[in-house]
């Protein structure tokens, strides 16, 4: 990109605002082109001519826990270099099985059992945040061969693509965000995930009568609690849900909602206070 850009660094107290796409989307709405996730910090980039400090201040005042840490001007080509340098490949292993998630500009990576190429855009779930990485890890413990899966709130489609790679028979990838639907469609085509069906919509867009062996739901605590029964209703006997996107302090609420929907907490992992859990259905 040529020309001058503005980069702002925003301290984020509630990372759910980033993981669910809420904060990046409102930044796009006020003129920013892209965002990069850091450790509790979200960097946003905007063409100098489109930058509105007043628009940024409206965003900062609209949510609790947001702090403007830095505002700097950079040249376009330096922005590209900084952006690419900030996105590193992700490697996850379970026994002898390895998964590599990389961007298209990562060309010097050691081989892996499953390699998925996802370029970060305005959709979310590239494997860099703890919640997405945790679900990827838990997926490697599942027997997905020939199974039907739902990736609810699919973002980039990463979880759906991995399910396809691990032998799932059919995968529905659903997201209410048009950016995510477009990104999932593109990423599935680029990665040859022919068994994935991208769908645009919310919970009411789950195909009527559809049932799944596994459901992946990386979303906020409130969404999980409020829709646990609905999701469990689409789970086949003996199936399981992998849920993430909530803090360790919320696990008790997730467990209670799961038990109320006929599920049991079978496993959980914690990373940087974020939790992913496997909720097991009955036979």
Protein backbone atom coordinates (compact mmCIF):
# COMPACT_ATOMS: atom_id res chain seq x y z
CA UNK A 1 0.00 0.00 0.00
CA UNK A 2 1.31 3.40 -0.89
CA UNK A 3 0.72 6.61 1.00
CA UNK A 4 0.64 7.53 4.66
CA UNK A 5 -1.26 5.53 7.25
CA UNK A 6 -2.24 6.05 10.85
CA UNK A 7 -1.71 3.19 13.27
CA UNK A 8 -3.47 3.29 16.61
CA UNK A 9 -2.82 0.84 19.44
CA UNK A 10 -5.79 0.21 21.71
CA UNK A 11 -5.57 -1.51 25.07
CA UNK A 12 -8.54 -3.87 25.41
CA UNK A 13 -9.83 -4.85 28.82
CA UNK A 14 -12.45 -7.31 27.56
CA UNK A 15 -10.95 -9.37 24.74
CA UNK A 16 -14.36 -10.74 23.82
CA UNK A 17 -14.87 -7.43 21.99
CA UNK A 18 -12.06 -8.49 19.65
CA UNK A 19 -12.71 -12.22 19.47
CA UNK A 20 -16.35 -11.76 18.51
CA UNK A 21 -15.47 -9.12 15.90
CA UNK A 22 -17.41 -6.31 17.56
CA UNK A 23 -14.51 -3.89 18.09
CA UNK A 24 -12.78 -4.48 14.73
CA UNK A 25 -16.09 -3.98 12.94
CA UNK A 26 -16.89 -0.64 14.59
CA UNK A 27 -13.35 0.51 13.76
CA UNK A 28 -14.00 -0.38 10.11
CA UNK A 29 -17.23 1.59 10.32
CA UNK A 30 -15.26 4.75 11.21
CA UNK A 31 -12.71 4.32 8.41
CA UNK A 32 -10.07 1.82 9.53
CA UNK A 33 -8.97 -0.75 6.95
CA UNK A 34 -7.59 -3.59 9.05
CA UNK A 35 -6.63 -4.71 12.53
CA UNK A 36 -3.92 -6.87 14.07
CA UNK A 37 -4.32 -8.65 17.40
CA UNK A 38 -1.61 -8.51 20.06
CA UNK A 39 -1.38 -9.45 23.72
CA UNK A 40 -4.29 -7.47 25.12
CA UNK A 41 -3.76 -4.84 22.42
CA UNK A 42 -5.53 -4.28 19.11
CA UNK A 43 -3.68 -2.33 16.41
CA UNK A 44 -5.83 -0.63 13.77
CA UNK A 45 -4.68 0.91 10.48
CA UNK A 46 -6.29 3.72 8.51
CA UNK A 47 -5.35 5.81 5.48
CA UNK A 48 -4.34 9.27 6.72
CA UNK A 49 -6.95 10.98 4.55
CA UNK A 50 -9.74 8.83 5.97
CA UNK A 51 -8.64 9.04 9.60
CA UNK A 52 -11.07 10.67 12.03
CA UNK A 53 -9.82 11.23 15.56
CA UNK A 54 -13.33 12.15 16.65
CA UNK A 55 -14.63 8.90 15.17
CA UNK A 56 -12.00 6.96 17.10
CA UNK A 57 -12.94 8.76 20.31
CA UNK A 58 -16.57 7.75 19.82
CA UNK A 59 -15.47 4.12 19.55
CA UNK A 60 -13.27 4.38 22.66
CA UNK A 61 -16.09 5.88 24.68
CA UNK A 62 -18.64 3.31 23.51
CA UNK A 63 -17.10 0.37 25.38
CA UNK A 64 -15.63 -0.06 28.84
CA UNK A 65 -11.96 -0.93 29.22
CA UNK A 66 -10.61 0.61 26.00
CA UNK A 67 -7.47 2.76 26.22
CA UNK A 68 -5.66 4.58 23.40
CA UNK A 69 -2.02 3.61 23.92
CA UNK A 70 -0.39 5.01 20.78
CA UNK A 71 -1.17 6.95 17.61
CA UNK A 72 1.56 7.12 14.96
CA UNK A 73 1.93 7.90 11.25
CA UNK A 74 3.68 5.34 9.04
CA UNK A 75 4.35 4.89 5.35
CA UNK A 76 2.23 2.36 3.47
CA UNK A 77 5.03 -0.06 2.65
CA UNK A 78 6.18 -0.02 6.27
CA UNK A 79 2.61 -0.81 7.29
CA UNK A 80 2.65 -3.88 5.08
CA UNK A 81 5.93 -5.05 6.56
CA UNK A 82 4.73 -4.46 10.10
CA UNK A 83 1.47 -6.26 9.44
CA UNK A 84 3.15 -9.33 7.95
CA UNK A 85 5.76 -9.41 10.71
CA UNK A 86 3.04 -9.38 13.37
CA UNK A 87 1.30 -12.49 12.00
CA UNK A 88 3.27 -15.63 12.76
CA UNK A 89 2.48 -19.24 11.81
CA UNK A 90 0.66 -21.34 14.40
CA UNK A 91 1.67 -24.96 14.99
CA UNK A 92 -0.40 -27.32 17.13
CA UNK A 93 0.45 -30.94 17.88
CA UNK A 94 -1.25 -33.95 19.42
CA UNK A 95 0.99 -37.00 19.37
CA UNK A 96 2.26 -37.46 15.83
CA UNK A 97 -0.43 -35.24 14.30
CA UNK A 98 0.51 -31.62 13.65
CA UNK A 99 -1.54 -28.72 12.32
CA UNK A 100 0.10 -25.68 10.73
CA UNK A 101 -1.96 -22.52 10.26
CA UNK A 102 -0.12 -19.95 8.17
CA UNK A 103 -0.70 -16.94 5.96
CA UNK A 104 0.06 -17.07 2.24
CA UNK A 105 3.20 -14.98 2.73
CA UNK A 106 4.69 -17.55 5.13
CA UNK A 107 6.72 -19.60 2.67
CA UNK A 108 9.44 -21.13 4.86
CA UNK A 109 7.59 -23.36 7.32
CA UNK A 110 8.39 -26.90 8.39
CA UNK A 111 5.90 -29.43 6.99
CA UNK A 112 2.92 -30.58 9.04
CA UNK A 113 0.30 -33.30 8.84
CA UNK A 114 -2.35 -30.71 8.03
CA UNK A 115 -1.49 -27.28 6.60
CA UNK A 116 -4.15 -24.57 6.40
CA UNK A 117 -3.58 -21.20 4.73
CA UNK A 118 -5.63 -18.34 6.17
CA UNK A 119 -4.84 -14.69 5.45
CA UNK A 120 -6.03 -12.39 8.27
CA UNK A 121 -8.64 -9.97 6.97
CA UNK A 122 -11.77 -8.57 8.61
CA UNK A 123 -12.92 -11.99 9.83
CA UNK A 124 -11.80 -13.61 13.03
CA UNK A 125 -10.37 -16.92 14.09
CA UNK A 126 -6.91 -17.22 12.56
CA UNK A 127 -5.56 -19.42 15.35
CA UNK A 128 -3.63 -16.62 17.04
CA UNK A 129 -6.04 -16.00 19.88
CA UNK A 130 -6.05 -18.51 22.75
CA UNK A 131 -9.69 -19.48 22.23
CA UNK A 132 -9.28 -20.54 18.61
CA UNK A 133 -6.01 -22.38 19.31
CA UNK A 134 -7.63 -24.24 22.21
CA UNK A 135 -10.45 -25.56 20.04
CA UNK A 136 -7.95 -26.66 17.40
CA UNK A 137 -6.14 -28.66 20.08
CA UNK A 138 -9.33 -30.28 21.37
CA UNK A 139 -10.39 -31.16 17.83
CA UNK A 140 -7.32 -33.35 17.46
CA UNK A 141 -8.68 -35.55 20.26
CA UNK A 142 -11.93 -36.25 18.37
CA UNK A 143 -12.76 -38.99 15.90
CA UNK A 144 -14.05 -36.87 13.03
CA UNK A 145 -13.87 -39.40 10.21
CA UNK A 146 -17.27 -39.59 8.52
CA UNK A 147 -18.92 -37.28 11.06
CA UNK A 148 -21.23 -34.29 10.57
CA UNK A 149 -20.10 -31.02 12.17
CA UNK A 150 -21.31 -27.47 12.76
CA UNK A 151 -18.89 -24.55 13.16
CA UNK A 152 -21.13 -21.94 14.79
CA UNK A 153 -19.67 -18.44 14.48
CA UNK A 154 -17.09 -19.66 11.98
CA UNK A 155 -15.10 -16.43 11.42
CA UNK A 156 -12.43 -17.41 8.88
CA UNK A 157 -13.72 -20.97 8.66
CA UNK A 158 -10.54 -22.34 10.22
CA UNK A 159 -12.26 -24.87 12.50
CA UNK A 160 -14.52 -26.03 9.67
CA UNK A 161 -11.55 -26.47 7.35
CA UNK A 162 -9.67 -28.53 9.94
CA UNK A 163 -12.75 -30.71 10.50
CA UNK A 164 -12.85 -31.32 6.75
CA UNK A 165 -9.14 -32.19 6.75
CA UNK A 166 -9.67 -34.62 9.63
CA UNK A 167 -12.21 -36.54 7.60
CA UNK A 168 -15.58 -35.04 8.52
CA UNK A 169 -18.27 -36.08 6.04
CA UNK A 170 -20.07 -32.72 6.02
CA UNK A 171 -19.46 -29.43 7.83
CA UNK A 172 -21.83 -26.48 8.09
CA UNK A 173 -19.94 -23.22 8.78
CA UNK A 174 -22.28 -20.49 9.94
CA UNK A 175 -21.70 -16.83 10.81
CA UNK A 176 -23.95 -13.79 11.05
CA UNK A 177 -21.17 -11.47 9.79
CA UNK A 178 -21.02 -11.04 5.97
CA UNK A 179 -17.24 -10.50 6.20
CA UNK A 180 -16.90 -13.88 7.89
CA UNK A 181 -19.17 -15.61 5.39
CA UNK A 182 -17.09 -14.22 2.52
CA UNK A 183 -13.82 -15.08 4.24
CA UNK A 184 -14.95 -18.64 5.01
CA UNK A 185 -16.08 -19.14 1.41
CA UNK A 186 -12.72 -17.91 0.09
CA UNK A 187 -10.65 -19.89 2.58
CA UNK A 188 -12.55 -23.12 1.95
CA UNK A 189 -11.95 -22.76 -1.78
CA UNK A 190 -8.27 -21.94 -1.27
CA UNK A 191 -7.77 -24.94 1.02
CA UNK A 192 -9.81 -27.42 -0.99
CA UNK A 193 -12.36 -27.92 1.80
CA UNK A 194 -15.14 -29.19 -0.45
CA UNK A 195 -17.08 -30.74 2.41
CA UNK A 196 -17.71 -27.37 4.07
CA UNK A 197 -20.95 -25.49 3.41
CA UNK A 198 -20.66 -21.77 4.38
CA UNK A 199 -23.95 -20.29 5.63
CA UNK A 200 -24.80 -16.67 6.42
CA UNK A 201 -26.98 -16.02 9.46
CA UNK A 202 -27.41 -16.41 13.19
CA UNK A 203 -28.73 -19.25 15.31
CA UNK A 204 -32.01 -19.24 13.41
CA UNK A 205 -30.08 -20.01 10.22
CA UNK A 206 -29.08 -23.49 11.40
CA UNK A 207 -30.83 -25.72 8.86
CA UNK A 208 -34.15 -27.00 10.27
CA UNK A 209 -33.87 -30.60 11.42
CA UNK A 210 -30.08 -30.63 11.04
CA UNK A 211 -28.18 -32.81 13.49
CA UNK A 212 -24.46 -33.04 14.10
CA UNK A 213 -21.96 -35.35 15.78
CA UNK A 214 -19.87 -32.35 16.80
CA UNK A 215 -20.60 -28.67 17.25
CA UNK A 216 -17.84 -26.06 17.60
CA UNK A 217 -18.90 -22.76 19.18
CA UNK A 218 -16.24 -20.10 19.82
CA UNK A 219 -18.28 -17.18 21.15
CA UNK A 220 -19.06 -15.15 24.26
CA UNK A 221 -20.24 -16.55 27.56
CA UNK A 222 -23.68 -14.94 27.22
CA UNK A 223 -24.29 -16.35 23.75
CA UNK A 224 -23.25 -19.81 24.89
CA UNK A 225 -25.43 -19.75 28.00
CA UNK A 226 -28.45 -18.30 26.19
CA UNK A 227 -28.28 -20.74 23.27
CA UNK A 228 -26.94 -23.89 24.93
CA UNK A 229 -30.29 -25.65 24.74
CA UNK A 230 -30.79 -24.73 21.09
CA UNK A 231 -27.34 -26.03 20.13
CA UNK A 232 -27.75 -29.19 22.20
CA UNK A 233 -30.99 -29.82 20.33
CA UNK A 234 -28.97 -30.18 17.12
CA UNK A 235 -26.52 -32.65 18.68
CA UNK A 236 -26.80 -36.33 17.83
CA UNK A 237 -26.85 -38.93 20.65
CA UNK A 238 -23.31 -39.44 21.91
CA UNK A 239 -22.13 -36.27 20.21
CA UNK A 240 -20.12 -33.45 21.78
CA UNK A 241 -19.75 -29.69 21.71
CA UNK A 242 -16.44 -27.82 21.86
CA UNK A 243 -17.08 -24.38 23.34
CA UNK A 244 -14.72 -21.48 23.96
CA UNK A 245 -14.61 -17.69 24.15
CA UNK A 246 -15.11 -17.26 27.89
CA UNK A 247 -12.97 -16.75 31.00
CA UNK A 248 -12.19 -19.31 33.69
CA UNK A 249 -14.54 -17.50 36.09
CA UNK A 250 -17.40 -18.25 33.67
CA UNK A 251 -16.83 -22.00 33.52
CA UNK A 252 -19.31 -22.72 36.31
CA UNK A 253 -22.05 -20.88 34.40
CA UNK A 254 -21.19 -22.74 31.19
CA UNK A 255 -21.27 -26.05 33.06
CA UNK A 256 -24.64 -25.26 34.62
CA UNK A 257 -26.11 -24.32 31.24
CA UNK A 258 -24.68 -27.48 29.71
CA UNK A 259 -26.11 -29.72 32.42
CA UNK A 260 -29.47 -28.01 32.01
CA UNK A 261 -29.33 -28.98 28.33
CA UNK A 262 -28.45 -32.60 29.07
CA UNK A 263 -24.70 -32.26 28.51
CA UNK A 264 -21.81 -32.96 30.87
CA UNK A 265 -18.42 -31.27 31.18
CA UNK A 266 -15.94 -33.86 29.91
CA UNK A 267 -12.76 -31.81 29.53
CA UNK A 268 -11.47 -28.25 29.70
CA UNK A 269 -8.24 -26.41 29.02
CA UNK A 270 -7.15 -22.96 30.20
CA UNK A 271 -4.74 -20.60 28.48
CA UNK A 272 -4.18 -16.99 29.54
CA UNK A 273 -7.38 -17.27 31.61
CA UNK A 274 -9.39 -18.25 28.52
CA UNK A 275 -11.21 -21.59 28.62
CA UNK A 276 -12.19 -24.16 26.03
CA UNK A 277 -14.33 -27.10 27.08
CA UNK A 278 -15.73 -30.33 25.68
CA UNK A 279 -19.36 -30.87 26.58
CA UNK A 280 -20.47 -34.45 26.11
CA UNK A 281 -23.96 -35.46 25.10
CA UNK A 282 -25.74 -38.57 26.34
CA UNK A 283 -26.21 -41.75 24.36
